[in-house]
Protein backbone atom coordinates (compact mmCIF):
# COMPACT_ATOMS: atom_id res chain seq x y z
CA MET A 1 -218.62 135.68 55.44
CA THR A 2 -221.06 134.33 58.35
CA ASP A 3 -220.69 134.92 61.90
CA ASP A 4 -220.04 131.14 62.65
CA THR A 5 -217.37 131.16 59.85
CA ALA A 6 -215.81 134.28 61.06
CA HIS A 7 -215.69 132.69 64.68
CA ARG A 8 -213.96 129.51 63.29
CA HIS A 9 -211.32 131.50 61.66
CA GLU A 10 -210.48 134.16 64.22
CA LYS A 11 -207.19 134.82 65.77
CA THR A 12 -206.93 133.83 69.42
CA TRP A 13 -204.93 133.95 72.38
CA PHE A 14 -204.52 130.83 74.71
CA GLY A 15 -207.41 129.29 72.67
CA HIS A 16 -209.94 131.94 73.17
CA PRO A 17 -211.00 135.38 71.53
CA ARG A 18 -208.56 138.10 72.00
CA GLY A 19 -211.24 139.95 73.46
CA LEU A 20 -211.30 137.63 76.71
CA THR A 21 -207.99 138.57 77.56
CA ILE A 22 -208.34 142.06 77.33
CA LEU A 23 -211.59 141.65 79.77
CA PHE A 24 -209.55 139.49 81.78
CA LEU A 25 -206.66 141.88 82.09
CA THR A 26 -209.28 144.88 82.67
CA GLU A 27 -211.23 142.92 85.51
CA MET A 28 -207.89 142.03 87.14
CA TRP A 29 -206.76 145.52 87.48
CA ASP A 30 -210.17 146.66 88.64
CA GLN A 31 -209.97 144.10 91.13
CA PHE A 32 -206.53 144.77 92.08
CA SER A 33 -207.73 148.58 92.91
CA PHE A 34 -210.90 147.48 94.63
CA PHE A 35 -209.29 144.99 96.91
CA GLY A 36 -206.21 146.82 97.39
CA MET A 37 -208.51 149.85 99.05
CA ARG A 38 -210.41 147.42 101.01
CA ALA A 39 -207.18 145.88 102.44
CA LEU A 40 -206.30 149.26 103.82
CA LEU A 41 -209.88 150.25 104.91
CA VAL A 42 -210.41 149.13 108.38
CA TYR A 43 -206.83 150.11 109.39
CA TYR A 44 -207.45 153.50 107.93
CA MET A 45 -210.49 154.06 109.68
CA THR A 46 -209.35 153.05 113.07
CA LYS A 47 -205.71 153.99 112.82
CA GLU A 48 -205.91 157.08 111.01
CA LEU A 49 -209.35 158.42 111.39
CA LEU A 50 -209.76 157.26 114.78
CA ILE A 51 -213.34 155.71 114.25
CA SER A 52 -214.22 153.25 116.83
CA GLN A 53 -213.91 149.48 115.93
CA THR A 54 -217.92 149.19 116.37
CA HIS A 55 -218.28 152.14 113.94
CA SER A 56 -215.71 151.06 111.42
CA SER A 57 -217.30 147.49 111.21
CA TYR A 58 -220.71 149.02 110.68
CA ILE A 59 -219.30 151.17 107.74
CA TYR A 60 -217.29 148.31 106.27
CA GLY A 61 -220.29 146.11 106.40
CA LEU A 62 -222.52 148.79 104.53
CA TYR A 63 -220.13 149.50 101.72
CA SER A 64 -219.45 145.89 101.16
CA SER A 65 -223.16 145.01 100.63
CA PHE A 66 -223.56 148.60 98.68
CA VAL A 67 -220.98 147.54 96.00
CA TYR A 68 -223.13 144.66 95.02
CA PHE A 69 -226.34 146.65 95.02
CA THR A 70 -225.47 149.49 92.95
CA PRO A 71 -224.50 147.15 89.83
CA LEU A 72 -228.36 146.39 89.45
CA ILE A 73 -229.03 150.12 88.82
CA GLY A 74 -226.00 150.56 86.67
CA GLY A 75 -226.91 147.64 84.50
CA VAL A 76 -230.33 149.07 83.60
CA ILE A 77 -228.46 152.40 82.88
CA SER A 78 -225.93 150.21 80.48
CA ASP A 79 -228.63 148.07 78.68
CA ARG A 80 -231.12 151.07 78.26
CA TRP A 81 -228.69 154.25 77.77
CA LEU A 82 -225.17 154.58 77.97
CA GLY A 83 -224.03 150.93 76.29
CA ARG A 84 -221.60 148.59 77.86
CA ARG A 85 -218.60 150.50 76.34
CA ARG A 86 -219.59 154.06 77.90
CA ALA A 87 -220.55 152.44 80.90
CA VAL A 88 -217.01 150.83 81.35
CA ILE A 89 -215.19 153.98 80.76
CA ILE A 90 -217.42 155.92 82.91
CA GLY A 91 -217.92 153.72 85.85
CA GLY A 92 -213.78 152.96 85.56
CA SER A 93 -213.18 156.66 85.67
CA ILE A 94 -215.44 157.49 88.55
CA MET A 95 -213.94 154.36 90.49
CA ALA A 96 -210.48 156.01 89.90
CA ALA A 97 -211.49 159.34 91.07
CA GLY A 98 -212.98 157.81 94.22
CA HIS A 99 -209.63 155.80 94.82
CA PHE A 100 -207.74 159.25 94.85
CA MET A 101 -210.31 160.83 96.84
CA MET A 102 -209.76 158.24 99.60
CA ALA A 103 -206.18 160.14 100.37
CA PHE A 104 -208.20 162.97 101.79
CA PRO A 105 -209.82 162.50 105.17
CA SER A 106 -212.51 165.17 104.68
CA LEU A 107 -213.80 163.35 101.38
CA PHE A 108 -213.84 159.90 102.96
CA TYR A 109 -217.56 159.20 103.15
CA VAL A 110 -217.61 160.84 99.51
CA ALA A 111 -214.94 158.50 98.58
CA LEU A 112 -216.65 155.52 99.53
CA ALA A 113 -220.18 156.34 97.56
CA THR A 114 -218.09 157.46 94.70
CA ILE A 115 -216.30 153.98 94.36
CA ALA A 116 -219.64 152.05 94.72
CA THR A 117 -221.50 154.25 92.19
CA GLY A 118 -218.53 153.88 89.60
CA ASN A 119 -218.71 149.99 90.34
CA GLY A 120 -222.20 150.05 89.57
CA LEU A 121 -221.65 150.97 85.95
CA PHE A 122 -218.22 149.24 85.50
CA LEU A 123 -218.93 145.52 87.09
CA PRO A 124 -221.91 144.36 84.88
CA SER A 125 -221.03 146.32 81.89
CA LEU A 126 -217.68 144.60 81.46
CA ALA A 127 -218.76 141.01 82.44
CA SER A 128 -221.82 141.02 79.89
CA GLN A 129 -219.42 141.57 76.86
CA ILE A 130 -217.88 137.88 77.23
CA ASN A 131 -220.95 136.07 75.92
CA GLN A 132 -220.74 138.12 72.68
CA LEU A 133 -217.23 137.18 71.77
CA TYR A 134 -218.44 133.67 70.91
CA ALA A 135 -221.18 132.11 68.47
CA PRO A 136 -224.13 130.71 70.02
CA ASP A 137 -223.00 126.86 69.84
CA ASP A 138 -219.23 127.49 70.67
CA PRO A 139 -218.08 125.04 73.42
CA ARG A 140 -215.41 127.44 74.59
CA LYS A 141 -218.03 129.77 76.13
CA ALA A 142 -218.52 127.42 78.98
CA THR A 143 -215.08 127.61 80.43
CA ALA A 144 -214.62 131.48 79.19
CA TYR A 145 -216.33 132.54 82.39
CA ASN A 146 -213.90 130.39 84.52
CA ILE A 147 -211.04 131.86 82.88
CA TYR A 148 -212.18 135.49 83.56
CA TYR A 149 -212.72 134.31 87.29
CA VAL A 150 -208.92 133.89 87.46
CA GLY A 151 -208.55 137.48 86.74
CA ILE A 152 -210.82 138.59 89.38
CA ASN A 153 -208.96 136.61 92.00
CA LEU A 154 -205.51 137.13 90.47
CA GLY A 155 -205.86 140.87 91.32
CA ALA A 156 -207.51 140.20 94.58
CA PHE A 157 -204.49 138.06 95.40
CA LEU A 158 -201.76 140.63 94.70
CA ALA A 159 -203.45 143.65 96.04
CA PRO A 160 -203.17 143.34 99.66
CA PHE A 161 -199.56 142.39 99.31
CA VAL A 162 -198.85 145.69 97.17
CA CYS A 163 -201.21 148.20 98.24
CA GLY A 164 -201.33 146.99 101.74
CA THR A 165 -197.57 147.15 102.11
CA VAL A 166 -197.12 150.42 100.57
CA GLY A 167 -199.81 151.98 102.82
CA GLU A 168 -198.74 150.52 106.07
CA LEU A 169 -195.00 151.17 105.26
CA TYR A 170 -195.40 154.78 103.55
CA GLY A 171 -198.84 156.03 104.32
CA TRP A 172 -202.33 155.29 103.73
CA HIS A 173 -202.74 157.69 101.21
CA TRP A 174 -199.86 156.31 99.15
CA GLY A 175 -201.92 152.93 99.39
CA PHE A 176 -204.98 154.36 98.11
CA ALA A 177 -203.20 156.24 95.35
CA LEU A 178 -201.82 153.22 94.14
CA ALA A 179 -205.36 151.60 93.94
CA GLY A 180 -206.36 154.35 91.99
CA VAL A 181 -203.25 153.79 89.64
CA GLY A 182 -204.56 150.25 89.35
CA MET A 183 -207.95 151.13 88.04
CA LEU A 184 -206.34 153.54 85.55
CA ILE A 185 -204.14 150.70 84.09
CA GLY A 186 -207.23 148.82 83.63
CA LEU A 187 -208.83 151.61 81.70
CA PHE A 188 -206.17 151.86 79.37
CA THR A 189 -206.09 148.32 78.89
CA TYR A 190 -209.69 148.21 77.78
CA LEU A 191 -209.25 151.23 75.58
CA GLY A 192 -206.20 150.08 74.10
CA GLY A 193 -207.77 146.36 73.13
CA SER A 194 -211.15 147.75 72.14
CA LYS A 195 -210.56 146.59 68.64
CA TYR A 196 -210.68 142.99 69.88
CA LEU A 197 -214.18 143.55 71.85
CA PRO A 198 -217.72 143.35 70.77
CA LYS A 199 -218.72 146.27 68.62
CA ASN A 200 -222.62 145.93 69.24
CA ASN A 201 -222.93 146.93 72.51
CA SER A 202 -224.74 150.01 72.47
CA PRO A 203 -228.49 150.39 72.83
CA SER A 204 -229.07 151.63 69.38
CA GLU A 205 -227.08 148.93 67.85
CA ARG A 206 -228.65 146.07 69.81
CA LYS A 207 -232.17 147.30 68.91
CA GLN A 208 -231.18 146.58 65.08
CA GLN A 209 -230.56 142.73 66.13
CA PRO A 210 -233.69 140.16 65.50
CA ALA A 211 -235.87 140.30 68.69
CA PRO A 212 -236.32 136.86 70.54
CA GLN A 213 -238.97 134.61 68.86
CA ARG A 214 -240.52 133.02 71.77
CA PRO A 215 -241.80 135.04 74.71
CA ARG A 216 -242.55 131.89 76.54
CA ALA A 217 -239.04 130.56 76.34
CA LYS A 218 -237.80 134.16 77.55
CA LEU A 219 -240.22 134.07 80.64
CA GLU A 220 -238.65 130.26 81.10
CA ILE A 221 -235.26 131.79 81.29
CA TYR A 222 -236.22 134.60 83.82
CA LEU A 223 -237.78 131.97 86.30
CA LEU A 224 -234.99 129.91 86.21
CA LEU A 225 -232.28 132.78 86.67
CA LEU A 226 -234.61 134.11 89.72
CA ALA A 227 -234.51 130.66 91.26
CA VAL A 228 -230.65 130.43 90.98
CA ILE A 229 -230.23 133.90 92.68
CA ALA A 230 -232.56 132.62 95.50
CA ILE A 231 -230.28 129.37 96.13
CA VAL A 232 -227.10 131.26 95.71
CA VAL A 233 -228.10 133.41 98.30
CA VAL A 234 -228.43 130.37 100.49
CA PHE A 235 -224.95 129.24 99.56
CA ARG A 236 -223.15 132.38 100.04
CA ALA A 237 -224.65 132.63 103.50
CA SER A 238 -222.10 129.59 104.13
CA TYR A 239 -219.52 130.62 101.60
CA GLU A 240 -218.76 134.02 103.12
CA GLN A 241 -217.80 132.64 106.29
CA SER A 242 -214.41 132.10 104.95
CA GLY A 243 -213.54 135.73 105.44
CA ASN A 244 -215.43 136.00 108.90
CA THR A 245 -215.75 132.94 111.33
CA VAL A 246 -213.29 131.00 109.49
CA ALA A 247 -210.88 133.82 109.91
CA LEU A 248 -211.63 134.10 113.74
CA TRP A 249 -211.01 130.25 114.07
CA ALA A 250 -207.69 130.62 112.43
CA ASP A 251 -206.69 133.42 115.29
CA THR A 252 -208.42 131.35 118.16
CA GLY A 253 -208.32 127.57 117.23
CA VAL A 254 -205.17 127.19 114.92
CA SER A 255 -201.51 126.60 115.87
CA ARG A 256 -199.82 128.81 113.16
CA GLN A 257 -196.48 127.73 114.44
CA VAL A 258 -193.75 126.58 111.89
CA GLY A 259 -190.49 125.98 114.12
CA SER A 260 -189.99 129.38 115.59
CA PHE A 261 -192.20 131.37 113.04
CA SER A 262 -195.74 132.11 113.46
CA ILE A 263 -197.78 132.16 110.46
CA PRO A 264 -199.82 135.48 110.38
CA MET A 265 -203.56 134.92 110.34
CA THR A 266 -204.03 137.03 107.38
CA TRP A 267 -201.82 135.11 105.16
CA PHE A 268 -204.34 132.40 105.15
CA GLN A 269 -206.81 134.48 103.40
CA SER A 270 -204.51 134.73 100.31
CA LEU A 271 -204.88 130.84 100.13
CA ASN A 272 -208.37 131.01 98.47
CA PRO A 273 -207.24 133.40 95.19
CA LEU A 274 -203.93 131.74 94.72
CA MET A 275 -205.77 128.24 94.57
CA ILE A 276 -208.08 129.52 92.07
CA PHE A 277 -205.49 130.78 89.82
CA LEU A 278 -203.71 127.56 90.08
CA PHE A 279 -206.69 124.98 89.72
CA THR A 280 -208.73 127.00 87.38
CA PRO A 281 -206.96 125.74 84.24
CA VAL A 282 -207.17 122.03 85.70
CA ILE A 283 -210.78 122.30 85.93
CA VAL A 284 -211.15 124.18 82.47
CA ALA A 285 -209.00 121.24 80.69
CA TRP A 286 -211.24 118.61 82.24
CA TRP A 287 -214.29 120.17 81.06
CA THR A 288 -213.12 121.16 77.67
CA ARG A 289 -212.10 117.23 77.33
CA ALA A 290 -215.64 116.12 78.59
CA ALA A 291 -217.19 118.81 76.23
CA LYS A 292 -215.36 117.28 73.36
CA GLN A 293 -216.42 113.79 74.46
CA GLY A 294 -220.09 115.14 74.71
CA ARG A 295 -220.16 114.46 78.63
CA GLU A 296 -219.88 117.96 79.84
CA PRO A 297 -222.38 118.19 82.44
CA GLY A 298 -224.91 121.19 82.40
CA SER A 299 -224.28 124.56 84.21
CA ILE A 300 -226.76 124.16 86.89
CA GLY A 301 -225.39 120.19 87.68
CA LYS A 302 -221.88 122.03 88.01
CA MET A 303 -223.07 124.17 90.35
CA ALA A 304 -224.92 121.75 92.33
CA THR A 305 -221.61 119.68 92.53
CA GLY A 306 -219.82 122.93 93.96
CA GLY A 307 -222.51 123.45 96.67
CA PHE A 308 -222.09 119.96 97.94
CA ILE A 309 -218.00 120.11 97.66
CA VAL A 310 -218.02 123.59 99.86
CA GLY A 311 -220.35 121.67 102.30
CA VAL A 312 -217.94 119.01 102.69
CA SER A 313 -215.32 121.56 103.28
CA TYR A 314 -217.08 122.80 106.25
CA LEU A 315 -217.87 119.56 107.88
CA VAL A 316 -214.30 118.77 107.68
CA LEU A 317 -213.60 121.75 109.94
CA ALA A 318 -216.41 120.43 112.13
CA LEU A 319 -214.63 117.37 112.79
CA VAL A 320 -211.11 118.87 113.18
CA ALA A 321 -212.56 121.28 115.49
CA HIS A 322 -214.28 118.36 117.42
CA ILE A 323 -211.49 116.23 117.82
CA SER A 324 -209.12 119.05 118.80
CA GLY A 325 -211.28 120.05 121.49
CA ASP A 326 -209.78 122.81 123.65
CA ALA A 327 -206.26 122.07 121.74
CA ARG A 328 -205.49 124.18 118.60
CA ALA A 329 -205.45 122.17 115.29
CA SER A 330 -202.82 122.11 112.89
CA TRP A 331 -202.32 125.17 110.46
CA LEU A 332 -202.43 122.00 107.71
CA TRP A 333 -205.96 121.57 108.15
CA LEU A 334 -206.93 124.97 107.47
CA VAL A 335 -204.91 124.83 104.15
CA PHE A 336 -206.85 121.83 103.32
CA PHE A 337 -210.03 123.44 104.27
CA PHE A 338 -209.15 125.94 101.52
CA PHE A 339 -208.19 123.65 99.31
CA VAL A 340 -211.58 121.70 99.29
CA TYR A 341 -213.23 125.00 99.62
CA THR A 342 -211.75 126.70 96.42
CA VAL A 343 -212.37 123.68 94.06
CA GLY A 344 -215.99 123.94 95.15
CA GLU A 345 -216.10 127.49 94.76
CA LEU A 346 -215.02 126.72 90.96
CA PHE A 347 -217.67 124.54 90.06
CA ILE A 348 -220.53 127.34 91.22
CA LEU A 349 -219.66 130.83 91.34
CA PRO A 350 -217.75 131.29 87.85
CA VAL A 351 -220.44 128.75 86.32
CA GLY A 352 -223.09 130.86 87.56
CA LEU A 353 -221.80 134.19 86.18
CA GLY A 354 -221.56 132.22 82.67
CA LEU A 355 -225.05 130.95 83.03
CA PHE A 356 -226.61 134.50 83.52
CA GLY A 357 -224.25 135.63 80.65
CA LYS A 358 -225.33 132.85 78.15
CA LEU A 359 -228.95 132.80 79.03
CA ALA A 360 -229.72 136.79 79.22
CA PRO A 361 -231.67 138.41 76.24
CA ALA A 362 -229.17 140.66 74.59
CA GLU A 363 -231.16 143.64 75.35
CA PHE A 364 -230.94 142.84 79.10
CA ALA A 365 -227.18 141.50 79.32
CA ALA A 366 -225.86 143.74 81.66
CA THR A 367 -229.01 143.92 83.91
CA ALA A 368 -228.78 139.97 84.06
CA ILE A 369 -225.21 140.13 85.21
CA ALA A 370 -226.10 142.67 87.90
CA ALA A 371 -228.82 140.53 88.94
CA TRP A 372 -226.30 137.73 89.52
CA PHE A 373 -224.43 140.09 91.90
CA MET A 374 -227.35 140.89 93.78
CA ALA A 375 -227.25 137.27 94.93
CA ALA A 376 -224.11 138.63 96.53
CA PHE A 377 -225.84 141.49 98.30
CA PHE A 378 -228.30 139.20 99.74
CA GLY A 379 -225.87 136.41 100.42
CA ASN A 380 -223.53 138.89 102.41
CA LEU A 381 -226.52 140.08 104.68
CA ALA A 382 -227.45 136.38 105.17
CA ALA A 383 -223.98 135.74 105.94
CA GLY A 384 -223.88 138.09 108.64
CA ALA A 385 -226.89 136.72 110.21
CA VAL A 386 -225.44 133.26 110.17
CA GLY A 387 -222.18 134.48 111.73
CA ALA A 388 -223.83 135.94 114.59
CA LEU A 389 -224.39 132.23 115.66
CA TRP A 390 -220.59 132.01 116.28
CA SER A 391 -220.68 133.12 119.90
CA ALA A 392 -223.80 131.23 120.39
CA VAL A 393 -223.01 127.72 119.38
CA SER A 394 -219.67 125.62 119.99
CA VAL A 395 -217.29 125.72 117.00
CA PRO A 396 -218.11 122.33 115.57
CA ALA A 397 -221.77 123.09 115.80
CA PHE A 398 -221.23 126.22 113.90
CA PHE A 399 -219.11 124.39 111.00
CA VAL A 400 -222.01 121.88 110.66
CA ILE A 401 -224.54 124.77 110.36
CA ALA A 402 -222.39 126.28 107.50
CA GLY A 403 -221.77 123.04 105.96
CA ALA A 404 -225.39 122.06 105.87
CA LEU A 405 -226.34 125.38 104.00
CA ALA A 406 -224.03 124.64 101.32
CA ILE A 407 -225.38 121.22 101.00
CA LEU A 408 -228.79 122.40 100.84
CA SER A 409 -228.12 124.87 98.10
CA GLY A 410 -226.45 121.78 96.23
CA MET A 411 -229.63 119.70 96.81
CA LEU A 412 -231.71 122.51 95.46
CA LEU A 413 -229.79 123.16 92.61
CA ALA A 414 -229.55 119.41 91.75
CA ALA A 415 -233.38 119.56 91.66
CA LEU A 416 -233.21 122.33 89.06
CA SER A 417 -230.62 120.56 86.76
CA PHE A 418 -232.96 118.77 84.56
CA TRP A 419 -235.10 121.58 83.46
CA ALA A 420 -232.40 124.09 83.44
CA HIS A 421 -230.07 121.57 81.09
CA GLY A 422 -233.11 121.88 78.58
CA ILE A 423 -233.23 125.47 78.56
CA GLU A 424 -229.41 125.62 78.33
CA LYS A 425 -229.48 123.64 75.26
CA ARG A 426 -232.42 125.44 73.54
CA ALA A 427 -230.63 128.90 74.30
CA ALA A 428 -227.47 127.37 72.16
CA LEU A 429 -229.59 126.72 69.26
CA PRO A 430 -229.47 128.97 65.97
CA ASP A 431 -232.75 130.92 65.69
CA GLU A 432 -234.60 128.59 63.39
CA ASP A 433 -233.69 125.58 65.23
CA LEU A 434 -234.65 127.40 68.37
CA ALA A 435 -238.20 127.98 66.97
CA THR A 436 -238.36 124.32 66.10
CA ALA A 437 -237.33 123.23 69.51
CA ALA A 438 -239.84 125.61 71.17
CA LEU A 439 -242.77 124.43 68.92
CA ALA A 440 -241.81 120.90 70.15
CA ALA A 441 -241.74 121.97 73.62
CA ASP A 442 -245.45 123.53 73.18
CA ALA A 443 -246.51 120.41 71.76
CA ARG A 444 -245.24 118.51 74.94
CA HIS A 445 -247.28 120.63 77.30
């Protein structure tokens, strides 16, 4: 039976390969543990370890950036030596150990380094297996990463409520231990569902696969992915303000009263993952229908749309802040912001992850996924620099700047879309058709 025939006759869950559900659930529990620990981190440093707020902020920022840097090293190790399955198991085990170590104050810094190190192996090696679940021309591949992205945000949504509540009421060490338990559940899920996952994910097995036939085509792919990384750094300088300056505005510029009840400002941060969970099925269904009709836009076109939509969400806040003046704006405007912001995010971040998964050569799949997360590393640093403007300009002016950055990223992505669409189409062709297409491209040049 050919691979294509096998894909057509496979058993599915929710219309997708069963392996996607396994990867979805594994990532959900990973994010539950990661965000559960992060929800406690600042409070633990300032209230339990008695570290100053300034010093705690530096530690938090360094840790948040470092967890997006280690996947680049971990991706290379996975591709070259360990293989993705072993990298996931080893990385997840290291992360679980780090979470349990957080319960001991004397091991605090070692625990943070341990979690970041394990994440470097785990994160790119898990996501890079998605592409192998589908045939090259399978239209479901375009929406698989959006579904996977739901797992990320479902875990992120649940973690602060569960780990945060347990840690605050019963002791920080119990909250950290619960995060470690979540990581172990994710590992057991991965091991239990391993029969549904790709088999050819070790370096020795991948060496037996045919090598790519067109070096020029590979160079073209690398140039495109590097360009996307650079543009997404610009986008994230705007996008990451939602947990920083937007959170500050929720505290000082928004009326959170509903009758006699005042909405806790931290609750607004749960709106983004909640809306991702609710809206992803709608957007995926829309794209699936468009694909069947031959009208689905390319990945870069979708991402450009996302940049524009996120830009509009910040411009709405700028207008609301300008009209409100010294008065506090209604909390409903903040809900509306997160609605528009989340729709834009769904057009760009999971689609970008999918683009790297689809286009990366098999021998560098985990490394390519890690390179995508490097955009988050540099984007977080850029977002910090942009956020420093909060105290230097007016609130409306700041939100205009944030919106302009997102719109700029949309414009740059739109400029790439025609070139990128051709690369995507050629990458989806079978090997023999790819060779023909590449020869035709050479002839045009």
